[in-house]
Amino acid sequence: MARRKFQTLTEPMFYILMSLQRDDRCGIDISAYIAQKSAGRVAIGPGTLYALLGDFEQESVIHCIGVEGKRKIYRISELGRSLYAEELNRLKRCISDAEGGDDNE
């Protein structure tokens, strides 16, 4: 079901999975990574962030691997890596299409 539900990732979804590619992170660290990586262009509020993390966790896109105080630490699953790679390739194709121009111009 996760592949259909997350067939095309929203920008916040994409950045959340990007943040988990190399490191396990809690929500606050995910938010900080996204703000830094996008130079503040992508802003995800706490309600949206934790709702998406909950959806991802429910669909086994990510897993909670521990709790430090009140912070849950998340790790991306193989399914999550696959969804991220598929979306990255889709975005690369979009850019390639755009840069290729139009014969009717």
Protein backbone atom coordinates (compact mmCIF):
# COMPACT_ATOMS: atom_id res chain seq x y z
CA MET A 1 0.00 0.00 0.00
CA ALA A 2 2.85 2.43 0.74
CA ARG A 3 3.99 2.57 -2.86
CA ARG A 4 0.52 3.67 -4.03
CA LYS A 5 0.02 6.08 -1.12
CA PHE A 6 3.44 7.65 -1.62
CA GLN A 7 3.69 7.26 -5.41
CA THR A 8 4.66 10.91 -5.80
CA LEU A 9 6.19 12.46 -2.72
CA THR A 10 5.40 16.00 -1.69
CA GLU A 11 8.35 18.32 -1.16
CA PRO A 12 8.17 17.95 2.64
CA MET A 13 8.01 14.14 2.32
CA PHE A 14 11.00 14.15 -0.01
CA TYR A 15 13.07 16.31 2.34
CA ILE A 16 12.17 14.19 5.36
CA LEU A 17 13.42 11.06 3.60
CA MET A 18 16.48 12.97 2.36
CA SER A 19 17.31 13.88 5.95
CA LEU A 20 17.32 10.21 6.95
CA GLN A 21 19.54 8.96 4.11
CA ARG A 22 22.78 9.08 6.10
CA ASP A 23 21.80 9.57 9.72
CA ASP A 24 19.14 8.50 12.17
CA ARG A 25 17.40 11.61 13.46
CA CYS A 26 14.67 12.85 15.76
CA GLY A 27 11.99 15.27 14.56
CA ILE A 28 13.86 18.37 15.74
CA ASP A 29 17.02 17.23 13.92
CA ILE A 30 15.01 16.43 10.78
CA SER A 31 13.50 19.92 10.86
CA ALA A 32 16.91 21.55 11.35
CA TYR A 33 18.43 19.49 8.52
CA ILE A 34 15.65 20.53 6.13
CA ALA A 35 15.97 24.21 7.04
CA GLN A 36 19.76 24.07 6.55
CA LYS A 37 19.70 21.99 3.36
CA SER A 38 17.04 24.12 1.68
CA ALA A 39 18.48 27.40 3.01
CA GLY A 40 15.13 28.02 4.69
CA ARG A 41 13.11 27.62 1.47
CA VAL A 42 11.32 24.52 2.75
CA ALA A 43 9.60 25.06 6.06
CA ILE A 44 7.72 22.21 7.69
CA GLY A 45 5.70 23.05 10.78
CA PRO A 46 5.69 20.63 13.70
CA GLY A 47 2.12 19.47 13.02
CA THR A 48 2.93 18.57 9.41
CA LEU A 49 6.28 17.04 10.34
CA TYR A 50 4.92 14.74 13.01
CA ALA A 51 1.86 13.81 10.94
CA LEU A 52 4.15 12.78 8.06
CA LEU A 53 6.50 10.90 10.38
CA GLY A 54 3.47 9.05 11.77
CA ASP A 55 2.26 8.18 8.26
CA PHE A 56 5.73 7.04 7.23
CA GLU A 57 6.09 4.95 10.36
CA GLN A 58 2.65 3.37 9.91
CA GLU A 59 3.53 2.38 6.33
CA SER A 60 7.02 1.10 7.33
CA VAL A 61 8.78 3.79 5.32
CA ILE A 62 10.69 4.68 8.48
CA HIS A 63 11.09 2.99 11.86
CA CYS A 64 11.42 4.38 15.36
CA ILE A 65 14.65 2.87 16.64
CA GLY A 66 14.67 4.41 20.09
CA VAL A 67 13.56 7.16 22.39
CA GLU A 68 15.86 9.69 24.05
CA GLY A 69 13.84 11.58 26.63
CA LYS A 70 10.81 12.76 24.69
CA ARG A 71 12.54 12.44 21.31
CA LYS A 72 11.84 9.49 19.03
CA ILE A 73 14.78 8.56 16.81
CA TYR A 74 13.87 7.52 13.27
CA ARG A 75 15.68 5.36 10.71
CA ILE A 76 14.71 5.03 7.07
CA SER A 77 13.73 1.53 5.91
CA GLU A 78 14.64 -0.17 2.65
CA LEU A 79 11.15 0.74 1.42
CA GLY A 80 11.84 4.35 2.35
CA ARG A 81 15.16 4.29 0.50
CA SER A 82 13.40 2.88 -2.55
CA LEU A 83 10.66 5.53 -2.45
CA TYR A 84 13.28 8.26 -2.07
CA ALA A 85 15.34 6.94 -5.00
CA GLU A 86 12.25 6.66 -7.22
CA GLU A 87 11.23 10.23 -6.44
CA LEU A 88 14.76 11.52 -6.98
CA ASN A 89 14.84 9.83 -10.40
CA ARG A 90 11.40 11.24 -11.26
CA LEU A 91 12.56 14.75 -10.37
CA LYS A 92 15.73 14.32 -12.44
CA ARG A 93 13.58 13.29 -15.43
CA CYS A 94 11.41 16.39 -14.93
CA ILE A 95 14.50 18.60 -14.96
CA SER A 96 15.84 16.83 -18.03
CA ASP A 97 12.52 17.32 -19.81
CA ALA A 98 12.50 21.03 -18.90
CA GLU A 99 16.09 21.59 -19.96
CA GLY A 100 15.54 19.73 -23.22
CA GLY A 101 13.31 22.52 -24.45
CA ASP A 102 10.38 22.28 -26.79
CA ASP A 103 10.63 21.84 -30.54
CA ASN A 104 7.72 24.26 -30.96
CA GLU A 105 9.58 27.21 -29.40
